[in-house]
Protein backbone atom coordinates (compact mmCIF):
# COMPACT_ATOMS: atom_id res chain seq x y z
CA MET A 1 -27.50 -4.46 -4.23
CA PHE A 2 -25.20 -1.69 -3.02
CA ALA A 3 -23.42 -4.08 -0.65
CA LYS A 4 -22.67 -6.56 -3.45
CA LEU A 5 -21.40 -3.81 -5.70
CA SER A 6 -19.26 -2.41 -2.89
CA ILE A 7 -17.80 -5.84 -2.16
CA SER A 8 -17.04 -6.47 -5.84
CA VAL A 9 -15.35 -3.11 -6.33
CA GLY A 10 -13.41 -3.56 -3.09
CA VAL A 11 -12.11 -6.97 -4.16
CA ILE A 12 -11.08 -5.69 -7.59
CA VAL A 13 -9.34 -2.58 -6.23
CA ALA A 14 -7.56 -4.56 -3.50
CA GLY A 15 -6.42 -7.16 -6.03
CA ILE A 16 -5.03 -4.49 -8.34
CA LEU A 17 -3.25 -2.79 -5.45
CA MET A 18 -1.65 -6.08 -4.36
CA ILE A 19 -0.48 -6.80 -7.92
CA VAL A 20 1.03 -3.31 -8.14
CA SER A 21 2.64 -3.79 -4.72
CA LEU A 22 4.25 -7.09 -5.61
CA TRP A 23 5.34 -5.77 -9.00
CA ALA A 24 6.95 -2.68 -7.44
CA TRP A 25 8.76 -4.79 -4.85
CA GLN A 26 10.13 -7.04 -7.59
CA ILE A 27 11.38 -4.29 -9.91
CA ALA A 28 12.74 -2.05 -7.13
CA PRO A 29 16.40 -2.99 -7.79
CA GLY A 30 15.99 -2.19 -11.47
CA LEU A 31 14.42 1.18 -10.73
CA ALA A 32 17.14 2.02 -8.23
CA LEU A 33 19.87 1.23 -10.76
CA THR A 34 18.41 3.53 -13.42
CA GLN A 35 18.99 6.58 -11.21
CA ASP A 36 22.04 8.79 -11.67
CA ARG A 37 23.54 7.48 -8.48
CA PRO A 38 22.31 4.00 -7.64
CA ASP A 39 22.19 3.35 -3.96
CA ALA A 40 20.09 1.64 -1.36
CA ILE A 41 18.04 4.75 -0.58
CA MET A 42 16.11 4.65 -3.86
CA LEU A 43 15.69 0.89 -3.53
CA TRP A 44 14.05 1.32 -0.15
CA ALA A 45 11.97 4.25 -1.38
CA VAL A 46 10.36 2.00 -3.99
CA ARG A 47 9.99 -0.88 -1.56
CA THR A 48 8.40 1.36 1.05
CA ALA A 49 5.92 2.59 -1.56
CA SER A 50 5.20 -1.07 -2.28
CA ILE A 51 4.42 -1.65 1.39
CA ALA A 52 2.11 1.38 1.29
CA ALA A 53 0.19 -0.11 -1.64
CA ALA A 54 -0.17 -3.42 0.20
CA ALA A 55 -1.40 -1.68 3.35
CA LEU A 56 -3.90 0.31 1.30
CA ALA A 57 -5.14 -2.95 -0.25
CA GLN A 58 -5.72 -4.39 3.20
CA THR A 59 -7.53 -1.25 4.30
CA VAL A 60 -9.79 -1.43 1.23
CA LEU A 61 -10.57 -5.07 2.00
CA LEU A 62 -11.39 -4.27 5.62
CA VAL A 63 -13.61 -1.32 4.78
CA PHE A 64 -15.44 -2.47 1.67
CA VAL A 65 -15.51 -6.25 1.97
CA VAL A 66 -15.38 -7.20 5.64
CA GLY A 67 -17.38 -4.12 6.60
CA ASN A 68 -20.25 -5.18 4.34
CA ILE A 69 -20.25 -8.86 5.26
CA TYR A 70 -19.94 -8.72 9.05
CA ARG A 71 -21.11 -6.37 11.77
CA THR A 72 -18.58 -3.73 12.70
CA ARG A 73 -16.94 -4.43 16.05
CA ALA A 74 -14.19 -2.75 18.01
CA LEU A 75 -11.57 -5.10 16.56
CA ASP A 76 -12.61 -4.15 13.01
CA VAL A 77 -12.23 -0.47 13.80
CA LEU A 78 -8.83 -1.12 15.40
CA LEU A 79 -7.62 -3.10 12.36
CA ARG A 80 -8.81 -0.36 10.01
CA LEU A 81 -6.96 2.20 12.08
CA LEU A 82 -3.78 0.13 12.18
CA THR A 83 -3.71 -0.59 8.45
CA GLY A 84 -4.40 3.08 7.76
CA THR A 85 -1.52 4.00 10.05
CA VAL A 86 0.84 1.58 8.29
CA PHE A 87 -0.23 3.08 4.96
CA ALA A 88 0.37 6.64 6.17
CA VAL A 89 3.77 5.87 7.67
CA SER A 90 4.83 3.99 4.53
CA VAL A 91 3.78 6.80 2.20
CA ILE A 92 5.58 9.41 4.31
CA SER A 93 8.69 7.21 4.47
CA ALA A 94 8.65 6.57 0.72
CA ILE A 95 8.37 10.29 -0.02
CA ALA A 96 11.14 11.14 2.44
CA LEU A 97 13.45 8.45 1.04
CA GLY A 98 12.71 9.54 -2.51
CA LEU A 99 13.57 13.16 -1.69
CA VAL A 100 16.77 12.17 0.09
CA GLY A 101 17.75 9.91 -2.81
CA HIS A 102 17.36 12.73 -5.34
CA GLN A 103 19.33 15.22 -3.23
CA GLN A 104 22.41 13.08 -2.90
């Protein structure tokens, strides 16, 4: 029962994260133009945050869905680690780009 609930919640959360990711990527030029000084830095800050949301969606799928359906192997652990690393690097990059964009 817990496994089915975990899989269902994982699929829903991952789906919402992917929708948010694709939406953010699409409206990034509009968000960058609404700033005081539109430039490519704010555009890439939003797009990097979009990549972070997509990487988090993949991590959620790997942990909650794949982890409950199949036995955990070394490749599963490696993929979880890699998607978590992509998420962390993307979040840090989005924050750094956002701070640089506001300072200029």
